[in-house]
Amino acid sequence: MSRPDRTRPERNGPLLTQRAALVFLLAALAGVGATVLAALAGNPWPVAVSVGCGAAATAVLFFKEIIG
């Protein structure tokens, strides 16, 4: 019994497109900025990191729609 011929993805290609890399970069910057601002506002670090993660997740959705 022969296995079906499955095409392999190109091994030398980029892992992310330029658009995806830019979206993730901007989301990471927004998350770090929100974390720093939340920490400077007097929140404990776990709360500040949670705020930053929420901001980064929202920023991914926002920048994905804006950059297109």
PDB file of N, CA and C in Angstrom:
ATOM      1  N   MET A   1       0.843  -1.167   0.000  1.00  0.00           N
ATOM      2  CA  MET A   1       0.000   0.000   0.000  1.00  0.00           C
ATOM      3  C   MET A   1       0.892   1.236   0.000  1.00  0.00           C
ATOM      4  N   SER A   2       0.683   2.102  -0.973  1.00  0.00           N
ATOM      5  CA  SER A   2       1.522   3.291  -1.093  1.00  0.00           C
ATOM      6  C   SER A   2       0.879   4.465  -0.365  1.00  0.00           C
ATOM      7  N   ARG A   3       1.738   5.282   0.159  1.00  0.00           N
ATOM      8  CA  ARG A   3       1.265   6.484   0.856  1.00  0.00           C
ATOM      9  C   ARG A   3       0.962   7.568  -0.155  1.00  0.00           C
ATOM     10  N   PRO A   4      -0.050   8.385   0.115  1.00  0.00           N
ATOM     11  CA  PRO A   4      -0.328   9.475  -0.825  1.00  0.00           C
ATOM     12  C   PRO A   4       0.810  10.485  -0.826  1.00  0.00           C
ATOM     13  N   ASP A   5       1.046  11.053  -1.969  1.00  0.00           N
ATOM     14  CA  ASP A   5       2.125  12.029  -2.119  1.00  0.00           C
ATOM     15  C   ASP A   5       1.693  13.351  -1.493  1.00  0.00           C
ATOM     16  N   ARG A   6       2.277  13.667  -0.386  1.00  0.00           N
ATOM     17  CA  ARG A   6       1.972  14.920   0.300  1.00  0.00           C
ATOM     18  C   ARG A   6       3.052  15.937  -0.037  1.00  0.00           C
ATOM     19  N   THR A   7       2.628  17.085  -0.465  1.00  0.00           N
ATOM     20  CA  THR A   7       3.606  18.115  -0.780  1.00  0.00           C
ATOM     21  C   THR A   7       4.131  18.720   0.502  1.00  0.00           C
ATOM     22  N   ARG A   8       5.404  18.886   0.539  1.00  0.00           N
ATOM     23  CA  ARG A   8       6.040  19.482   1.709  1.00  0.00           C
ATOM     24  C   ARG A   8       6.154  20.977   1.513  1.00  0.00           C
ATOM     25  N   PRO A   9       5.977  21.731   2.591  1.00  0.00           N
ATOM     26  CA  PRO A   9       6.167  23.179   2.441  1.00  0.00           C
ATOM     27  C   PRO A   9       7.631  23.488   2.155  1.00  0.00           C
ATOM     28  N   GLU A  10       7.844  24.611   1.535  1.00  0.00           N
ATOM     29  CA  GLU A  10       9.204  25.022   1.212  1.00  0.00           C
ATOM     30  C   GLU A  10       9.992  25.247   2.497  1.00  0.00           C
ATOM     31  N   ARG A  11      11.131  24.619   2.616  1.00  0.00           N
ATOM     32  CA  ARG A  11      11.907  24.683   3.855  1.00  0.00           C
ATOM     33  C   ARG A  11      12.689  25.988   4.009  1.00  0.00           C
ATOM     34  N   ASN A  12      12.982  26.662   2.926  1.00  0.00           N
ATOM     35  CA  ASN A  12      13.789  27.870   3.007  1.00  0.00           C
ATOM     36  C   ASN A  12      12.959  29.134   3.080  1.00  0.00           C
ATOM     37  N   GLY A  13      11.650  29.012   3.126  1.00  0.00           N
ATOM     38  CA  GLY A  13      10.792  30.189   3.160  1.00  0.00           C
ATOM     39  C   GLY A  13      10.729  30.792   4.550  1.00  0.00           C
ATOM     40  N   PRO A  14      10.187  31.985   4.652  1.00  0.00           N
ATOM     41  CA  PRO A  14      10.078  32.641   5.958  1.00  0.00           C
ATOM     42  C   PRO A  14       9.005  31.982   6.823  1.00  0.00           C
ATOM     43  N   LEU A  15       9.203  32.057   8.127  1.00  0.00           N
ATOM     44  CA  LEU A  15       8.216  31.503   9.049  1.00  0.00           C
ATOM     45  C   LEU A  15       6.991  32.396   9.162  1.00  0.00           C
ATOM     46  N   LEU A  16       7.202  33.703   9.074  1.00  0.00           N
ATOM     47  CA  LEU A  16       6.113  34.672   9.138  1.00  0.00           C
ATOM     48  C   LEU A  16       6.205  35.612   7.951  1.00  0.00           C
ATOM     49  N   THR A  17       5.058  36.104   7.536  1.00  0.00           N
ATOM     50  CA  THR A  17       5.076  37.136   6.507  1.00  0.00           C
ATOM     51  C   THR A  17       5.482  38.453   7.163  1.00  0.00           C
ATOM     52  N   GLN A  18       5.814  39.427   6.340  1.00  0.00           N
ATOM     53  CA  GLN A  18       6.192  40.733   6.884  1.00  0.00           C
ATOM     54  C   GLN A  18       5.012  41.371   7.608  1.00  0.00           C
ATOM     55  N   ARG A  19       3.817  41.173   7.100  1.00  0.00           N
ATOM     56  CA  ARG A  19       2.621  41.728   7.733  1.00  0.00           C
ATOM     57  C   ARG A  19       2.418  41.124   9.118  1.00  0.00           C
ATOM     58  N   ALA A  20       2.550  39.806   9.234  1.00  0.00           N
ATOM     59  CA  ALA A  20       2.372  39.147  10.519  1.00  0.00           C
ATOM     60  C   ALA A  20       3.444  39.575  11.516  1.00  0.00           C
ATOM     61  N   ALA A  21       4.679  39.703  11.047  1.00  0.00           N
ATOM     62  CA  ALA A  21       5.760  40.138  11.926  1.00  0.00           C
ATOM     63  C   ALA A  21       5.514  41.553  12.438  1.00  0.00           C
ATOM     64  N   LEU A  22       5.026  42.430  11.560  1.00  0.00           N
ATOM     65  CA  LEU A  22       4.739  43.800  11.973  1.00  0.00           C
ATOM     66  C   LEU A  22       3.581  43.849  12.967  1.00  0.00           C
ATOM     67  N   VAL A  23       2.555  43.052  12.731  1.00  0.00           N
ATOM     68  CA  VAL A  23       1.409  43.006  13.655  1.00  0.00           C
ATOM     69  C   VAL A  23       1.865  42.523  15.026  1.00  0.00           C
ATOM     70  N   PHE A  24       2.653  41.464  15.076  1.00  0.00           N
ATOM     71  CA  PHE A  24       3.113  40.945  16.359  1.00  0.00           C
ATOM     72  C   PHE A  24       4.088  41.895  17.054  1.00  0.00           C
ATOM     73  N   LEU A  25       4.914  42.582  16.281  1.00  0.00           N
ATOM     74  CA  LEU A  25       5.832  43.555  16.872  1.00  0.00           C
ATOM     75  C   LEU A  25       5.061  44.699  17.527  1.00  0.00           C
ATOM     76  N   LEU A  26       4.100  45.245  16.803  1.00  0.00           N
ATOM     77  CA  LEU A  26       3.307  46.342  17.363  1.00  0.00           C
ATOM     78  C   LEU A  26       2.483  45.880  18.567  1.00  0.00           C
ATOM     79  N   ALA A  27       1.967  44.667  18.519  1.00  0.00           N
ATOM     80  CA  ALA A  27       1.214  44.138  19.652  1.00  0.00           C
ATOM     81  C   ALA A  27       2.117  43.945  20.867  1.00  0.00           C
ATOM     82  N   ALA A  28       3.329  43.476  20.646  1.00  0.00           N
ATOM     83  CA  ALA A  28       4.262  43.305  21.764  1.00  0.00           C
ATOM     84  C   ALA A  28       4.629  44.649  22.379  1.00  0.00           C
ATOM     85  N   LEU A  29       4.841  45.653  21.536  1.00  0.00           N
ATOM     86  CA  LEU A  29       5.148  46.985  22.062  1.00  0.00           C
ATOM     87  C   LEU A  29       3.973  47.555  22.850  1.00  0.00           C
ATOM     88  N   ALA A  30       2.766  47.352  22.361  1.00  0.00           N
ATOM     89  CA  ALA A  30       1.587  47.820  23.091  1.00  0.00           C
ATOM     90  C   ALA A  30       1.449  47.088  24.425  1.00  0.00           C
ATOM     91  N   GLY A  31       1.725  45.801  24.438  1.00  0.00           N
ATOM     92  CA  GLY A  31       1.641  45.026  25.677  1.00  0.00           C
ATOM     93  C   GLY A  31       2.673  45.441  26.705  1.00  0.00           C
ATOM     94  N   VAL A  32       3.892  45.664  26.243  1.00  0.00           N
ATOM     95  CA  VAL A  32       4.957  46.117  27.156  1.00  0.00           C
ATOM     96  C   VAL A  32       4.633  47.504  27.699  1.00  0.00           C
ATOM     97  N   GLY A  33       4.143  48.373  26.827  1.00  0.00           N
ATOM     98  CA  GLY A  33       3.783  49.717  27.270  1.00  0.00           C
ATOM     99  C   GLY A  33       2.662  49.697  28.301  1.00  0.00           C
ATOM    100  N   ALA A  34       1.662  48.867  28.062  1.00  0.00           N
ATOM    101  CA  ALA A  34       0.558  48.771  29.021  1.00  0.00           C
ATOM    102  C   ALA A  34       1.029  48.181  30.347  1.00  0.00           C
ATOM    103  N   THR A  35       1.943  47.221  30.282  1.00  0.00           N
ATOM    104  CA  THR A  35       2.477  46.627  31.510  1.00  0.00           C
ATOM    105  C   THR A  35       3.247  47.664  32.329  1.00  0.00           C
ATOM    106  N   VAL A  36       4.086  48.422  31.657  1.00  0.00           N
ATOM    107  CA  VAL A  36       4.872  49.442  32.363  1.00  0.00           C
ATOM    108  C   VAL A  36       3.969  50.507  32.965  1.00  0.00           C
ATOM    109  N   LEU A  37       2.988  50.968  32.204  1.00  0.00           N
ATOM    110  CA  LEU A  37       2.076  51.982  32.732  1.00  0.00           C
ATOM    111  C   LEU A  37       1.262  51.457  33.912  1.00  0.00           C
ATOM    112  N   ALA A  38       0.816  50.206  33.830  1.00  0.00           N
ATOM    113  CA  ALA A  38       0.053  49.632  34.938  1.00  0.00           C
ATOM    114  C   ALA A  38       0.929  49.467  36.179  1.00  0.00           C
ATOM    115  N   ALA A  39       2.195  49.100  35.983  1.00  0.00           N
ATOM    116  CA  ALA A  39       3.104  48.960  37.125  1.00  0.00           C
ATOM    117  C   ALA A  39       3.414  50.314  37.747  1.00  0.00           C
ATOM    118  N   LEU A  40       3.588  51.334  36.907  1.00  0.00           N
ATOM    119  CA  LEU A  40       3.861  52.674  37.432  1.00  0.00           C
ATOM    120  C   LEU A  40       2.650  53.277  38.142  1.00  0.00           C
ATOM    121  N   ALA A  41       1.472  52.777  37.811  1.00  0.00           N
ATOM    122  CA  ALA A  41       0.253  53.260  38.461  1.00  0.00           C
ATOM    123  C   ALA A  41       0.072  52.662  39.851  1.00  0.00           C
ATOM    124  N   GLY A  42       0.945  51.735  40.219  1.00  0.00           N
ATOM    125  CA  GLY A  42       0.892  51.185  41.562  1.00  0.00           C
ATOM    126  C   GLY A  42       0.287  49.792  41.647  1.00  0.00           C
ATOM    127  N   ASN A  43      -0.028  49.191  40.525  1.00  0.00           N
ATOM    128  CA  ASN A  43      -0.562  47.825  40.546  1.00  0.00           C
ATOM    129  C   ASN A  43       0.560  46.830  40.808  1.00  0.00           C
ATOM    130  N   PRO A  44       0.267  45.724  41.472  1.00  0.00           N
ATOM    131  CA  PRO A  44       1.289  44.676  41.641  1.00  0.00           C
ATOM    132  C   PRO A  44       1.662  44.075  40.282  1.00  0.00           C
ATOM    133  N   TRP A  45       2.851  43.474  40.198  1.00  0.00           N
ATOM    134  CA  TRP A  45       3.348  42.953  38.932  1.00  0.00           C
ATOM    135  C   TRP A  45       2.419  41.935  38.280  1.00  0.00           C
ATOM    136  N   PRO A  46       1.828  40.993  39.030  1.00  0.00           N
ATOM    137  CA  PRO A  46       0.932  40.050  38.345  1.00  0.00           C
ATOM    138  C   PRO A  46      -0.257  40.744  37.669  1.00  0.00           C
ATOM    139  N   VAL A  47      -0.774  41.769  38.300  1.00  0.00           N
ATOM    140  CA  VAL A  47      -1.882  42.512  37.703  1.00  0.00           C
ATOM    141  C   VAL A  47      -1.386  43.292  36.486  1.00  0.00           C
ATOM    142  N   ALA A  48      -0.218  43.891  36.593  1.00  0.00           N
ATOM    143  CA  ALA A  48       0.337  44.658  35.481  1.00  0.00           C
ATOM    144  C   ALA A  48       0.610  43.761  34.277  1.00  0.00           C
ATOM    145  N   VAL A  49       1.119  42.574  34.514  1.00  0.00           N
ATOM    146  CA  VAL A  49       1.379  41.643  33.414  1.00  0.00           C
ATOM    147  C   VAL A  49       0.072  41.180  32.788  1.00  0.00           C
ATOM    148  N   SER A  50      -0.947  40.962  33.600  1.00  0.00           N
ATOM    149  CA  SER A  50      -2.257  40.582  33.064  1.00  0.00           C
ATOM    150  C   SER A  50      -2.834  41.687  32.195  1.00  0.00           C
ATOM    151  N   VAL A  51      -2.669  42.922  32.626  1.00  0.00           N
ATOM    152  CA  VAL A  51      -3.129  44.058  31.821  1.00  0.00           C
ATOM    153  C   VAL A  51      -2.371  44.102  30.501  1.00  0.00           C
ATOM    154  N   GLY A  52      -1.068  43.893  30.555  1.00  0.00           N
ATOM    155  CA  GLY A  52      -0.257  43.900  29.341  1.00  0.00           C
ATOM    156  C   GLY A  52      -0.630  42.786  28.381  1.00  0.00           C
ATOM    157  N   CYS A  53      -0.915  41.608  28.899  1.00  0.00           N
ATOM    158  CA  CYS A  53      -1.326  40.497  28.031  1.00  0.00           C
ATOM    159  C   CYS A  53      -2.671  40.781  27.372  1.00  0.00           C
ATOM    160  N   GLY A  54      -3.572  41.362  28.132  1.00  0.00           N
ATOM    161  CA  GLY A  54      -4.861  41.734  27.551  1.00  0.00           C
ATOM    162  C   GLY A  54      -4.719  42.797  26.487  1.00  0.00           C
ATOM    163  N   ALA A  55      -3.851  43.758  26.732  1.00  0.00           N
ATOM    164  CA  ALA A  55      -3.617  44.809  25.739  1.00  0.00           C
ATOM    165  C   ALA A  55      -2.953  44.243  24.484  1.00  0.00           C
ATOM    166  N   ALA A  56      -2.037  43.308  24.651  1.00  0.00           N
ATOM    167  CA  ALA A  56      -1.365  42.710  23.496  1.00  0.00           C
ATOM    168  C   ALA A  56      -2.344  41.887  22.658  1.00  0.00           C
ATOM    169  N   ALA A  57      -3.211  41.144  23.313  1.00  0.00           N
ATOM    170  CA  ALA A  57      -4.192  40.348  22.576  1.00  0.00           C
ATOM    171  C   ALA A  57      -5.150  41.243  21.793  1.00  0.00           C
ATOM    172  N   THR A  58      -5.572  42.312  22.419  1.00  0.00           N
ATOM    173  CA  THR A  58      -6.455  43.252  21.737  1.00  0.00           C
ATOM    174  C   THR A  58      -5.723  43.963  20.602  1.00  0.00           C
ATOM    175  N   ALA A  59      -4.451  44.261  20.817  1.00  0.00           N
ATOM    176  CA  ALA A  59      -3.664  44.949  19.794  1.00  0.00           C
ATOM    177  C   ALA A  59      -3.462  44.068  18.564  1.00  0.00           C
ATOM    178  N   VAL A  60      -3.336  42.760  18.756  1.00  0.00           N
ATOM    179  CA  VAL A  60      -3.210  41.863  17.601  1.00  0.00           C
ATOM    180  C   VAL A  60      -4.452  41.977  16.726  1.00  0.00           C
ATOM    181  N   LEU A  61      -5.611  41.936  17.345  1.00  0.00           N
ATOM    182  CA  LEU A  61      -6.849  42.047  16.572  1.00  0.00           C
ATOM    183  C   LEU A  61      -6.957  43.417  15.899  1.00  0.00           C
ATOM    184  N   PHE A  62      -6.574  44.460  16.616  1.00  0.00           N
ATOM    185  CA  PHE A  62      -6.662  45.809  16.078  1.00  0.00           C
ATOM    186  C   PHE A  62      -5.720  46.000  14.898  1.00  0.00           C
ATOM    187  N   PHE A  63      -4.444  45.660  15.077  1.00  0.00           N
ATOM    188  CA  PHE A  63      -3.466  45.889  14.026  1.00  0.00           C
ATOM    189  C   PHE A  63      -3.673  44.953  12.835  1.00  0.00           C
ATOM    190  N   LYS A  64      -4.241  43.771  13.075  1.00  0.00           N
ATOM    191  CA  LYS A  64      -4.541  42.870  11.972  1.00  0.00           C
ATOM    192  C   LYS A  64      -5.579  43.485  11.035  1.00  0.00           C
ATOM    193  N   GLU A  65      -6.524  44.210  11.596  1.00  0.00           N
ATOM    194  CA  GLU A  65      -7.541  44.866  10.780  1.00  0.00           C
ATOM    195  C   GLU A  65      -7.020  46.147  10.130  1.00  0.00           C
ATOM    196  N   ILE A  66      -6.176  46.871  10.839  1.00  0.00           N
ATOM    197  CA  ILE A  66      -5.676  48.148  10.336  1.00  0.00           C
ATOM    198  C   ILE A  66      -4.648  47.950   9.224  1.00  0.00           C
ATOM    199  N   ILE A  67      -3.708  47.020   9.436  1.00  0.00           N
ATOM    200  CA  ILE A  67      -2.641  46.782   8.463  1.00  0.00           C
ATOM    201  C   ILE A  67      -3.141  45.719   7.500  1.00  0.00           C
ATOM    202  N   GLY A  68      -3.484  46.102   6.334  1.00  0.00           N
ATOM    203  CA  GLY A  68      -4.019  45.087   5.449  1.00  0.00           C
ATOM    204  C   GLY A  68      -3.966  45.509   4.068  1.00  0.00           C
TER     205      GLY A  68
END
